[in-house]
Amino acid sequence: MSKNIDRRAFIKQSAAIGAASLVGSGFMAGCGKKGASTVKRTDIDIAVAQGVDYYANTMKAVQELGGMGAFVPKGSKVAILANPQRNNPGAFTKPDILRAAIKMCKEAGAGQVTCLSQLPDQNWEATGLKKVIQEEGAALVIVDRNDETQFKTVPVPKGIAVTEAQIMNEFYNHDVFIDMPITKDHAGNKFTGTMKNHMGLSSRNTNRSFHKENWTTDVDAIAHLEQCIADLNTVLTPDLCIVDATEFITTNGPFGPGEIITPQKVVAGTDRVAVDAYCCTLWDLEAQNILQITKAHAHGLGEIDLTKKKVKEISV
């Protein structure tokens, strides 16, 4: 049974904030594309692999979409955005999921695979993710979030709450973007998924502007945060989303420790709105109550109605 989120029950999901149209309609800030892959994708929109072997789950989920070669052209430079936020259980992307993704990128012929981050090296060490990166021959680039020269200002033409954002320069040195969050609880907007994860690419100053006073309790401040996340996603587009929904915190997010559920699922797809909507179902949330999802859908970034998507669930 789905449940509503009381603290946002009286936010009007259909409310629109008037904003002047900005120059640059259709502008999309993303990785510099090397060219389309020659490998054909399947007609599956969301692939979900369930089992105790998280490495195998990841492999299977991506294979059901056509394999990593359908997203990674030979010789391309791949940027991966994983979540090493804390080493508390259920608060970070599992090492086995990252390992599988890197290995598949390499097998697809990627020229370079790099994990991007603003979080310190100790986070990557503590979560076991750095060890995986080293063992699989990938790179880890940690950008100093206090150094404004490491970011470039990007206009957000379709933004309602955000008119521009500072995105790390290093992101634009890659051809393919793989978004690899863990779905989990968040102190303000309740839900972390593919779209919230993109804040890992934007500067500290940008992200601070997303958080108004009392952003964990005030409904208007929460709505502002949600709108900012949706706006940011209009200029950042992943080529592939791989979500850790194996075990994650449903309280005391995003750092934990918190209550944990264990769906033992890895979710893969290209429609971030639909992927996040699916992840909501894993812990009895309704996508219609998560404003970042409804606002991203309003932006035309994806489909919120899962009945309109082909979802394949597999046991591994």
C-alpha atoms as a PDB file:
ATOM      1  CA  MET A   1       0.000   0.000   0.000  1.00  0.00           C
ATOM      2  CA  SER A   2       1.316   3.451  -0.839  1.00  0.00           C
ATOM      3  CA  LYS A   3       1.534   6.191   1.738  1.00  0.00           C
ATOM      4  CA  ASN A   4       1.373   9.962   1.514  1.00  0.00           C
ATOM      5  CA  ILE A   5       3.968  12.296   2.991  1.00  0.00           C
ATOM      6  CA  ASP A   6       2.157  14.463   5.530  1.00  0.00           C
ATOM      7  CA  ARG A   7       4.585  17.356   5.581  1.00  0.00           C
ATOM      8  CA  ARG A   8       4.063  17.974   1.889  1.00  0.00           C
ATOM      9  CA  ALA A   9       0.404  17.022   1.663  1.00  0.00           C
ATOM     10  CA  PHE A  10      -0.692  20.602   1.255  1.00  0.00           C
ATOM     11  CA  ILE A  11       1.890  21.590  -1.378  1.00  0.00           C
ATOM     12  CA  LYS A  12      -0.011  22.096  -4.592  1.00  0.00           C
ATOM     13  CA  GLN A  13       1.776  19.886  -7.074  1.00  0.00           C
ATOM     14  CA  SER A  14       0.322  21.679 -10.023  1.00  0.00           C
ATOM     15  CA  ALA A  15       1.381  25.137  -8.868  1.00  0.00           C
ATOM     16  CA  ALA A  16       3.466  26.982 -11.402  1.00  0.00           C
ATOM     17  CA  ILE A  17       5.794  29.813 -10.580  1.00  0.00           C
ATOM     18  CA  GLY A  18       5.823  32.476 -13.286  1.00  0.00           C
ATOM     19  CA  ALA A  19       9.186  33.048 -14.919  1.00  0.00           C
ATOM     20  CA  ALA A  20      10.327  34.900 -17.995  1.00  0.00           C
ATOM     21  CA  SER A  21      11.533  32.719 -20.831  1.00  0.00           C
ATOM     22  CA  LEU A  22      15.308  32.747 -21.037  1.00  0.00           C
ATOM     23  CA  VAL A  23      17.464  32.903 -24.124  1.00  0.00           C
ATOM     24  CA  GLY A  24      18.852  29.599 -25.310  1.00  0.00           C
ATOM     25  CA  SER A  25      15.736  27.485 -25.553  1.00  0.00           C
ATOM     26  CA  GLY A  26      16.640  23.864 -26.028  1.00  0.00           C
ATOM     27  CA  PHE A  27      20.136  24.325 -24.559  1.00  0.00           C
ATOM     28  CA  MET A  28      21.329  21.142 -22.873  1.00  0.00           C
ATOM     29  CA  ALA A  29      24.522  20.992 -20.835  1.00  0.00           C
ATOM     30  CA  GLY A  30      25.859  17.476 -20.927  1.00  0.00           C
ATOM     31  CA  CYS A  31      28.940  15.481 -21.698  1.00  0.00           C
ATOM     32  CA  GLY A  32      30.621  16.177 -25.012  1.00  0.00           C
ATOM     33  CA  LYS A  33      29.297  13.345 -27.147  1.00  0.00           C
ATOM     34  CA  LYS A  34      31.789  11.181 -29.036  1.00  0.00           C
ATOM     35  CA  GLY A  35      29.125   9.663 -31.257  1.00  0.00           C
ATOM     36  CA  ALA A  36      26.300   7.154 -31.123  1.00  0.00           C
ATOM     37  CA  SER A  37      26.957   3.559 -30.224  1.00  0.00           C
ATOM     38  CA  THR A  38      26.496   0.952 -32.932  1.00  0.00           C
ATOM     39  CA  VAL A  39      24.983  -1.508 -30.451  1.00  0.00           C
ATOM     40  CA  LYS A  40      21.186  -1.619 -30.505  1.00  0.00           C
ATOM     41  CA  ARG A  41      19.170  -1.036 -27.350  1.00  0.00           C
ATOM     42  CA  THR A  42      16.172  -3.197 -26.473  1.00  0.00           C
ATOM     43  CA  ASP A  43      12.612  -1.894 -26.145  1.00  0.00           C
ATOM     44  CA  ILE A  44      12.717  -2.266 -22.352  1.00  0.00           C
ATOM     45  CA  ASP A  45      12.482   1.057 -20.519  1.00  0.00           C
ATOM     46  CA  ILE A  46      13.351  -0.096 -17.019  1.00  0.00           C
ATOM     47  CA  ALA A  47      15.195  -3.295 -16.146  1.00  0.00           C
ATOM     48  CA  VAL A  48      15.119  -4.508 -12.560  1.00  0.00           C
ATOM     49  CA  ALA A  49      17.319  -7.383 -11.413  1.00  0.00           C
ATOM     50  CA  GLN A  50      16.783  -8.876  -7.965  1.00  0.00           C
ATOM     51  CA  GLY A  51      19.029 -11.210  -6.019  1.00  0.00           C
ATOM     52  CA  VAL A  52      21.652 -11.485  -3.305  1.00  0.00           C
ATOM     53  CA  ASP A  53      24.552 -11.016  -5.748  1.00  0.00           C
ATOM     54  CA  TYR A  54      24.580  -7.270  -6.410  1.00  0.00           C
ATOM     55  CA  TYR A  55      27.331  -7.539  -9.019  1.00  0.00           C
ATOM     56  CA  ALA A  56      25.274 -10.064 -10.992  1.00  0.00           C
ATOM     57  CA  ASN A  57      22.143  -7.943 -10.566  1.00  0.00           C
ATOM     58  CA  THR A  58      23.903  -4.965 -12.138  1.00  0.00           C
ATOM     59  CA  MET A  59      25.238  -6.994 -15.026  1.00  0.00           C
ATOM     60  CA  LYS A  60      21.817  -8.483 -15.738  1.00  0.00           C
ATOM     61  CA  ALA A  61      19.885  -5.211 -15.500  1.00  0.00           C
ATOM     62  CA  VAL A  62      22.143  -3.479 -18.026  1.00  0.00           C
ATOM     63  CA  GLN A  63      22.173  -6.510 -20.318  1.00  0.00           C
ATOM     64  CA  GLU A  64      18.375  -6.391 -20.469  1.00  0.00           C
ATOM     65  CA  LEU A  65      18.637  -2.860 -21.885  1.00  0.00           C
ATOM     66  CA  GLY A  66      20.985  -4.028 -24.632  1.00  0.00           C
ATOM     67  CA  GLY A  67      24.244  -4.153 -22.717  1.00  0.00           C
ATOM     68  CA  MET A  68      26.679  -1.392 -21.856  1.00  0.00           C
ATOM     69  CA  GLY A  69      27.791  -1.236 -25.473  1.00  0.00           C
ATOM     70  CA  ALA A  70      24.419   0.312 -26.294  1.00  0.00           C
ATOM     71  CA  PHE A  71      25.376   3.348 -24.213  1.00  0.00           C
ATOM     72  CA  VAL A  72      29.163   3.498 -24.390  1.00  0.00           C
ATOM     73  CA  PRO A  73      30.741   3.983 -27.844  1.00  0.00           C
ATOM     74  CA  LYS A  74      34.199   2.494 -28.320  1.00  0.00           C
ATOM     75  CA  GLY A  75      36.933   4.872 -27.261  1.00  0.00           C
ATOM     76  CA  SER A  76      34.576   7.139 -25.321  1.00  0.00           C
ATOM     77  CA  LYS A  77      35.346   8.752 -21.983  1.00  0.00           C
ATOM     78  CA  VAL A  78      32.793   7.761 -19.366  1.00  0.00           C
ATOM     79  CA  ALA A  79      31.904   9.812 -16.275  1.00  0.00           C
ATOM     80  CA  ILE A  80      30.262   7.928 -13.401  1.00  0.00           C
ATOM     81  CA  LEU A  81      28.483   9.716 -10.567  1.00  0.00           C
ATOM     82  CA  ALA A  82      28.238   7.282  -7.649  1.00  0.00           C
ATOM     83  CA  ASN A  83      27.255   8.196  -4.080  1.00  0.00           C
ATOM     84  CA  PRO A  84      29.950   7.754  -1.380  1.00  0.00           C
ATOM     85  CA  GLN A  85      28.185  10.059   1.091  1.00  0.00           C
ATOM     86  CA  ARG A  86      28.726   8.045   4.300  1.00  0.00           C
ATOM     87  CA  ASN A  87      29.875   4.551   5.142  1.00  0.00           C
ATOM     88  CA  ASN A  88      26.763   3.914   7.201  1.00  0.00           C
ATOM     89  CA  PRO A  89      24.834   0.890   5.901  1.00  0.00           C
ATOM     90  CA  GLY A  90      22.308   1.793   3.217  1.00  0.00           C
ATOM     91  CA  ALA A  91      23.726   5.284   2.635  1.00  0.00           C
ATOM     92  CA  PHE A  92      26.165   4.741  -0.252  1.00  0.00           C
ATOM     93  CA  THR A  93      26.356   3.043  -3.638  1.00  0.00           C
ATOM     94  CA  LYS A  94      27.510  -0.549  -3.165  1.00  0.00           C
ATOM     95  CA  PRO A  95      31.038  -1.356  -4.369  1.00  0.00           C
ATOM     96  CA  ASP A  96      29.861  -4.433  -6.290  1.00  0.00           C
ATOM     97  CA  ILE A  97      27.475  -2.285  -8.344  1.00  0.00           C
ATOM     98  CA  LEU A  98      30.227   0.176  -9.228  1.00  0.00           C
ATOM     99  CA  ARG A  99      32.579  -2.696 -10.052  1.00  0.00           C
ATOM    100  CA  ALA A 100      30.098  -4.213 -12.480  1.00  0.00           C
ATOM    101  CA  ALA A 101      29.504  -0.873 -14.191  1.00  0.00           C
ATOM    102  CA  ILE A 102      33.209  -0.153 -14.641  1.00  0.00           C
ATOM    103  CA  LYS A 103      33.871  -3.636 -15.943  1.00  0.00           C
ATOM    104  CA  MET A 104      31.028  -3.379 -18.473  1.00  0.00           C
ATOM    105  CA  CYS A 105      32.284   0.015 -19.654  1.00  0.00           C
ATOM    106  CA  LYS A 106      35.744  -1.432 -20.186  1.00  0.00           C
ATOM    107  CA  GLU A 107      34.359  -4.442 -22.025  1.00  0.00           C
ATOM    108  CA  ALA A 108      32.333  -2.097 -24.251  1.00  0.00           C
ATOM    109  CA  GLY A 109      35.587  -0.446 -25.295  1.00  0.00           C
ATOM    110  CA  ALA A 110      35.529   2.744 -23.226  1.00  0.00           C
ATOM    111  CA  GLY A 111      38.764   4.645 -23.561  1.00  0.00           C
ATOM    112  CA  GLN A 112      38.530   5.971 -20.015  1.00  0.00           C
ATOM    113  CA  VAL A 113      36.226   5.499 -17.028  1.00  0.00           C
ATOM    114  CA  THR A 114      36.247   8.161 -14.315  1.00  0.00           C
ATOM    115  CA  CYS A 115      34.290   8.563 -11.099  1.00  0.00           C
ATOM    116  CA  LEU A 116      33.627  12.237 -10.384  1.00  0.00           C
ATOM    117  CA  SER A 117      33.107  13.633  -6.904  1.00  0.00           C
ATOM    118  CA  GLN A 118      33.290  16.623  -4.593  1.00  0.00           C
ATOM    119  CA  LEU A 119      33.418  14.459  -1.486  1.00  0.00           C
ATOM    120  CA  PRO A 120      36.823  13.812   0.104  1.00  0.00           C
ATOM    121  CA  ASP A 121      39.036  10.816  -0.524  1.00  0.00           C
ATOM    122  CA  GLN A 122      38.226   9.431   2.926  1.00  0.00           C
ATOM    123  CA  ASN A 123      34.600   8.884   1.876  1.00  0.00           C
ATOM    124  CA  TRP A 124      35.719   6.778  -1.063  1.00  0.00           C
ATOM    125  CA  GLU A 125      38.129   4.836   1.152  1.00  0.00           C
ATOM    126  CA  ALA A 126      35.615   4.215   3.929  1.00  0.00           C
ATOM    127  CA  THR A 127      32.866   2.961   1.608  1.00  0.00           C
ATOM    128  CA  GLY A 128      35.188   0.586  -0.258  1.00  0.00           C
ATOM    129  CA  LEU A 129      34.513   2.357  -3.549  1.00  0.00           C
ATOM    130  CA  LYS A 130      38.080   3.603  -4.013  1.00  0.00           C
ATOM    131  CA  LYS A 131      39.421   0.058  -3.806  1.00  0.00           C
ATOM    132  CA  VAL A 132      37.056  -0.985  -6.598  1.00  0.00           C
ATOM    133  CA  ILE A 133      38.125   1.949  -8.765  1.00  0.00           C
ATOM    134  CA  GLN A 134      41.774   1.039  -8.331  1.00  0.00           C
ATOM    135  CA  GLU A 135      41.255  -2.674  -8.910  1.00  0.00           C
ATOM    136  CA  GLU A 136      39.217  -2.121 -12.067  1.00  0.00           C
ATOM    137  CA  GLY A 137      41.652   0.378 -13.603  1.00  0.00           C
ATOM    138  CA  ALA A 138      39.320   3.374 -13.481  1.00  0.00           C
ATOM    139  CA  ALA A 139      40.109   6.891 -12.273  1.00  0.00           C
ATOM    140  CA  LEU A 140      38.813   8.987  -9.390  1.00  0.00           C
ATOM    141  CA  VAL A 141      38.701  12.757  -9.831  1.00  0.00           C
ATOM    142  CA  ILE A 142      37.809  14.738  -6.719  1.00  0.00           C
ATOM    143  CA  VAL A 143      37.014  18.370  -7.420  1.00  0.00           C
ATOM    144  CA  ASP A 144      37.627  20.940  -4.685  1.00  0.00           C
ATOM    145  CA  ARG A 145      34.119  22.228  -4.043  1.00  0.00           C
ATOM    146  CA  ASN A 146      35.508  25.393  -2.450  1.00  0.00           C
ATOM    147  CA  ASP A 147      37.457  26.344  -5.576  1.00  0.00           C
ATOM    148  CA  GLU A 148      35.103  28.293  -7.839  1.00  0.00           C
ATOM    149  CA  THR A 149      37.546  28.006 -10.754  1.00  0.00           C
ATOM    150  CA  GLN A 150      36.742  24.283 -10.891  1.00  0.00           C
ATOM    151  CA  PHE A 151      33.182  25.075 -11.990  1.00  0.00           C
ATOM    152  CA  LYS A 152      31.635  26.845 -14.944  1.00  0.00           C
ATOM    153  CA  THR A 153      28.432  28.828 -14.963  1.00  0.00           C
ATOM    154  CA  VAL A 154      25.735  27.193 -17.071  1.00  0.00           C
ATOM    155  CA  PRO A 155      22.447  28.937 -17.936  1.00  0.00           C
ATOM    156  CA  VAL A 156      19.250  27.082 -17.047  1.00  0.00           C
ATOM    157  CA  PRO A 157      16.832  28.385 -19.701  1.00  0.00           C
ATOM    158  CA  LYS A 158      13.877  26.304 -18.518  1.00  0.00           C
ATOM    159  CA  GLY A 159      14.485  26.894 -14.839  1.00  0.00           C
ATOM    160  CA  ILE A 160      11.655  28.114 -12.628  1.00  0.00           C
ATOM    161  CA  ALA A 161      13.586  28.490  -9.354  1.00  0.00           C
ATOM    162  CA  VAL A 162      17.071  28.320 -10.909  1.00  0.00           C
ATOM    163  CA  THR A 163      18.337  30.543 -13.723  1.00  0.00           C
ATOM    164  CA  GLU A 164      21.945  29.356 -13.733  1.00  0.00           C
ATOM    165  CA  ALA A 165      24.075  26.695 -12.108  1.00  0.00           C
ATOM    166  CA  GLN A 166      27.773  26.109 -11.591  1.00  0.00           C
ATOM    167  CA  ILE A 167      28.759  22.687 -12.927  1.00  0.00           C
ATOM    168  CA  MET A 168      32.181  21.104 -12.471  1.00  0.00           C
ATOM    169  CA  ASN A 169      34.470  21.668 -15.453  1.00  0.00           C
ATOM    170  CA  GLU A 170      35.714  18.097 -15.351  1.00  0.00           C
ATOM    171  CA  PHE A 171      32.263  16.797 -16.250  1.00  0.00           C
ATOM    172  CA  TYR A 172      32.569  18.281 -19.730  1.00  0.00           C
ATOM    173  CA  ASN A 173      35.727  16.300 -20.464  1.00  0.00           C
ATOM    174  CA  HIS A 174      33.654  13.145 -20.901  1.00  0.00           C
ATOM    175  CA  ASP A 175      31.441  11.715 -23.621  1.00  0.00           C
ATOM    176  CA  VAL A 176      29.095   9.507 -21.596  1.00  0.00           C
ATOM    177  CA  PHE A 177      27.409  10.154 -18.257  1.00  0.00           C
ATOM    178  CA  ILE A 178      26.293   7.256 -16.044  1.00  0.00           C
ATOM    179  CA  ASP A 179      24.260   8.295 -13.011  1.00  0.00           C
ATOM    180  CA  MET A 180      24.683   5.766 -10.192  1.00  0.00           C
ATOM    181  CA  PRO A 181      22.894   6.800  -6.984  1.00  0.00           C
ATOM    182  CA  ILE A 182      21.501   4.817  -4.119  1.00  0.00           C
ATOM    183  CA  THR A 183      17.826   5.495  -3.534  1.00  0.00           C
ATOM    184  CA  LYS A 184      17.284   6.499   0.094  1.00  0.00           C
ATOM    185  CA  ASP A 185      15.683   8.868   2.560  1.00  0.00           C
ATOM    186  CA  HIS A 186      16.472  12.588   2.575  1.00  0.00           C
ATOM    187  CA  ALA A 187      16.009  15.009   5.458  1.00  0.00           C
ATOM    188  CA  GLY A 188      14.178  17.618   3.410  1.00  0.00           C
ATOM    189  CA  ASN A 189      12.500  16.194   0.341  1.00  0.00           C
ATOM    190  CA  LYS A 190      12.213  12.620   1.667  1.00  0.00           C
ATOM    191  CA  PHE A 191      13.508  10.979  -1.517  1.00  0.00           C
ATOM    192  CA  THR A 192      16.951  10.626  -3.091  1.00  0.00           C
ATOM    193  CA  GLY A 193      17.252   9.048  -6.522  1.00  0.00           C
ATOM    194  CA  THR A 194      18.715   9.713  -9.936  1.00  0.00           C
ATOM    195  CA  MET A 195      17.759  13.396 -10.126  1.00  0.00           C
ATOM    196  CA  LYS A 196      18.791  14.381  -6.595  1.00  0.00           C
ATOM    197  CA  ASN A 197      22.158  12.728  -7.258  1.00  0.00           C
ATOM    198  CA  HIS A 198      22.953  15.365  -9.904  1.00  0.00           C
ATOM    199  CA  MET A 199      23.621  17.847  -7.134  1.00  0.00           C
ATOM    200  CA  GLY A 200      26.948  16.045  -6.875  1.00  0.00           C
ATOM    201  CA  LEU A 201      27.972  17.800 -10.096  1.00  0.00           C
ATOM    202  CA  SER A 202      26.939  21.319  -9.082  1.00  0.00           C
ATOM    203  CA  SER A 203      28.981  23.631  -6.894  1.00  0.00           C
ATOM    204  CA  ARG A 204      28.568  24.161  -3.184  1.00  0.00           C
ATOM    205  CA  ASN A 205      27.291  27.680  -3.860  1.00  0.00           C
ATOM    206  CA  THR A 206      24.673  26.369  -6.286  1.00  0.00           C
ATOM    207  CA  ASN A 207      23.529  23.694  -3.878  1.00  0.00           C
ATOM    208  CA  ARG A 208      23.359  26.135  -0.980  1.00  0.00           C
ATOM    209  CA  SER A 209      20.964  28.266  -2.993  1.00  0.00           C
ATOM    210  CA  PHE A 210      18.666  25.244  -3.199  1.00  0.00           C
ATOM    211  CA  HIS A 211      18.317  25.162   0.596  1.00  0.00           C
ATOM    212  CA  LYS A 212      16.237  27.912   2.151  1.00  0.00           C
ATOM    213  CA  GLU A 213      15.887  28.392   5.884  1.00  0.00           C
ATOM    214  CA  ASN A 214      14.046  25.507   7.560  1.00  0.00           C
ATOM    215  CA  TRP A 215      14.424  23.390   4.396  1.00  0.00           C
ATOM    216  CA  THR A 216      13.721  20.203   6.346  1.00  0.00           C
ATOM    217  CA  THR A 217      10.377  21.327   7.786  1.00  0.00           C
ATOM    218  CA  ASP A 218       8.912  24.295   5.917  1.00  0.00           C
ATOM    219  CA  VAL A 219       6.747  23.154   3.007  1.00  0.00           C
ATOM    220  CA  ASP A 220       7.632  26.153   0.863  1.00  0.00           C
ATOM    221  CA  ALA A 221      11.343  25.594   1.436  1.00  0.00           C
ATOM    222  CA  ILE A 222      10.951  21.902   0.602  1.00  0.00           C
ATOM    223  CA  ALA A 223       9.044  22.798  -2.564  1.00  0.00           C
ATOM    224  CA  HIS A 224      11.846  25.208  -3.510  1.00  0.00           C
ATOM    225  CA  LEU A 225      14.461  22.470  -3.080  1.00  0.00           C
ATOM    226  CA  GLU A 226      12.397  20.087  -5.198  1.00  0.00           C
ATOM    227  CA  GLN A 227      11.945  22.671  -7.959  1.00  0.00           C
ATOM    228  CA  CYS A 228      15.668  23.423  -7.962  1.00  0.00           C
ATOM    229  CA  ILE A 229      16.470  19.729  -8.395  1.00  0.00           C
ATOM    230  CA  ALA A 230      14.060  19.477 -11.327  1.00  0.00           C
ATOM    231  CA  ASP A 231      15.474  22.667 -12.871  1.00  0.00           C
ATOM    232  CA  LEU A 232      19.048  21.407 -12.536  1.00  0.00           C
ATOM    233  CA  ASN A 233      18.052  18.258 -14.380  1.00  0.00           C
ATOM    234  CA  THR A 234      17.005  20.275 -17.429  1.00  0.00           C
ATOM    235  CA  VAL A 235      20.704  20.904 -18.124  1.00  0.00           C
ATOM    236  CA  LEU A 236      22.163  17.576 -16.985  1.00  0.00           C
ATOM    237  CA  THR A 237      21.107  14.438 -18.802  1.00  0.00           C
ATOM    238  CA  PRO A 238      22.427  10.955 -17.979  1.00  0.00           C
ATOM    239  CA  ASP A 239      22.953   8.456 -20.782  1.00  0.00           C
ATOM    240  CA  LEU A 240      22.184   5.651 -18.351  1.00  0.00           C
ATOM    241  CA  CYS A 241      20.902   5.418 -14.779  1.00  0.00           C
ATOM    242  CA  ILE A 242      21.893   2.496 -12.554  1.00  0.00           C
ATOM    243  CA  VAL A 243      20.257   2.725  -9.137  1.00  0.00           C
ATOM    244  CA  ASP A 244      21.297   0.839  -6.040  1.00  0.00           C
ATOM    245  CA  ALA A 245      18.019  -0.322  -4.509  1.00  0.00           C
ATOM    246  CA  THR A 246      19.551  -3.356  -2.845  1.00  0.00           C
ATOM    247  CA  GLU A 247      19.436  -2.114   0.749  1.00  0.00           C
ATOM    248  CA  PHE A 248      18.925   1.477   1.794  1.00  0.00           C
ATOM    249  CA  ILE A 249      17.891   3.773   4.634  1.00  0.00           C
ATOM    250  CA  THR A 250      14.281   4.918   4.846  1.00  0.00           C
ATOM    251  CA  THR A 251      14.879   7.219   7.832  1.00  0.00           C
ATOM    252  CA  ASN A 252      17.580   9.651   8.961  1.00  0.00           C
ATOM    253  CA  GLY A 253      18.782  10.310   5.428  1.00  0.00           C
ATOM    254  CA  PRO A 254      20.860  11.107   3.608  1.00  0.00           C
ATOM    255  CA  PHE A 255      23.707  10.172   5.940  1.00  0.00           C
ATOM    256  CA  GLY A 256      22.236   7.551   8.251  1.00  0.00           C
ATOM    257  CA  PRO A 257      22.354   5.445  10.238  1.00  0.00           C
ATOM    258  CA  GLY A 258      18.675   4.724   9.779  1.00  0.00           C
ATOM    259  CA  GLU A 259      16.074   2.040   9.333  1.00  0.00           C
ATOM    260  CA  ILE A 260      16.978  -0.198   6.405  1.00  0.00           C
ATOM    261  CA  ILE A 261      14.917  -2.199   3.937  1.00  0.00           C
ATOM    262  CA  THR A 262      16.438  -4.741   1.562  1.00  0.00           C
ATOM    263  CA  PRO A 263      14.613  -5.074  -1.779  1.00  0.00           C
ATOM    264  CA  GLN A 264      17.904  -6.499  -3.199  1.00  0.00           C
ATOM    265  CA  LYS A 265      17.247  -4.799  -6.542  1.00  0.00           C
ATOM    266  CA  VAL A 266      19.343  -2.943  -9.079  1.00  0.00           C
ATOM    267  CA  VAL A 267      17.285  -0.678 -11.327  1.00  0.00           C
ATOM    268  CA  ALA A 268      18.538   0.470 -14.740  1.00  0.00           C
ATOM    269  CA  GLY A 269      17.012   2.745 -17.362  1.00  0.00           C
ATOM    270  CA  THR A 270      17.389   5.954 -19.322  1.00  0.00           C
ATOM    271  CA  ASP A 271      14.215   7.779 -18.263  1.00  0.00           C
ATOM    272  CA  ARG A 272      15.230   9.238 -14.896  1.00  0.00           C
ATOM    273  CA  VAL A 273      11.679  10.294 -14.028  1.00  0.00           C
ATOM    274  CA  ALA A 274      10.338   6.794 -14.603  1.00  0.00           C
ATOM    275  CA  VAL A 275      13.294   5.201 -12.804  1.00  0.00           C
ATOM    276  CA  ASP A 276      12.739   7.390  -9.747  1.00  0.00           C
ATOM    277  CA  ALA A 277       8.995   6.727  -9.900  1.00  0.00           C
ATOM    278  CA  TYR A 278       9.731   2.996  -9.863  1.00  0.00           C
ATOM    279  CA  CYS A 279      12.153   3.329  -6.951  1.00  0.00           C
ATOM    280  CA  CYS A 280       9.420   5.083  -4.961  1.00  0.00           C
ATOM    281  CA  THR A 281       7.319   1.932  -5.155  1.00  0.00           C
ATOM    282  CA  LEU A 282      10.032  -0.055  -3.381  1.00  0.00           C
ATOM    283  CA  TRP A 283       9.395   1.736  -0.117  1.00  0.00           C
ATOM    284  CA  ASP A 284       5.701   2.529  -0.373  1.00  0.00           C
ATOM    285  CA  LEU A 285       6.041   6.106  -1.579  1.00  0.00           C
ATOM    286  CA  GLU A 286       3.905   7.595  -4.305  1.00  0.00           C
ATOM    287  CA  ALA A 287       5.782   9.351  -7.078  1.00  0.00           C
ATOM    288  CA  GLN A 288       2.979  11.921  -7.267  1.00  0.00           C
ATOM    289  CA  ASN A 289       3.929  13.015  -3.733  1.00  0.00           C
ATOM    290  CA  ILE A 290       7.599  13.553  -4.545  1.00  0.00           C
ATOM    291  CA  LEU A 291       7.700  17.047  -5.997  1.00  0.00           C
ATOM    292  CA  GLN A 292      11.053  16.693  -7.743  1.00  0.00           C
ATOM    293  CA  ILE A 293       9.479  13.884  -9.777  1.00  0.00           C
ATOM    294  CA  THR A 294       6.254  15.707 -10.600  1.00  0.00           C
ATOM    295  CA  LYS A 295       8.158  18.893 -11.441  1.00  0.00           C
ATOM    296  CA  ALA A 296      10.638  17.019 -13.636  1.00  0.00           C
ATOM    297  CA  HIS A 297       7.703  15.397 -15.407  1.00  0.00           C
ATOM    298  CA  ALA A 298       6.228  18.869 -15.924  1.00  0.00           C
ATOM    299  CA  HIS A 299       9.555  19.902 -17.451  1.00  0.00           C
ATOM    300  CA  GLY A 300       9.157  17.067 -19.956  1.00  0.00           C
ATOM    301  CA  LEU A 301      12.147  15.142 -18.631  1.00  0.00           C
ATOM    302  CA  GLY A 302      10.403  11.790 -18.439  1.00  0.00           C
ATOM    303  CA  GLU A 303       7.294   9.758 -17.723  1.00  0.00           C
ATOM    304  CA  ILE A 304       5.830   9.496 -14.236  1.00  0.00           C
ATOM    305  CA  ASP A 305       3.151   6.942 -15.200  1.00  0.00           C
ATOM    306  CA  LEU A 306       4.813   3.527 -15.066  1.00  0.00           C
ATOM    307  CA  THR A 307       1.902   1.926 -16.950  1.00  0.00           C
ATOM    308  CA  LYS A 308       3.228   3.768 -20.008  1.00  0.00           C
ATOM    309  CA  LYS A 309       6.660   2.187 -19.626  1.00  0.00           C
ATOM    310  CA  LYS A 310       7.889  -1.312 -20.316  1.00  0.00           C
ATOM    311  CA  VAL A 311       9.328  -2.569 -17.051  1.00  0.00           C
ATOM    312  CA  LYS A 312      11.056  -5.953 -16.886  1.00  0.00           C
ATOM    313  CA  GLU A 313      11.784  -7.511 -13.515  1.00  0.00           C
ATOM    314  CA  ILE A 314      14.191 -10.447 -13.339  1.00  0.00           C
ATOM    315  CA  SER A 315      15.332 -12.752 -10.556  1.00  0.00           C
ATOM    316  CA  VAL A 316      19.061 -13.440 -10.626  1.00  0.00           C
END
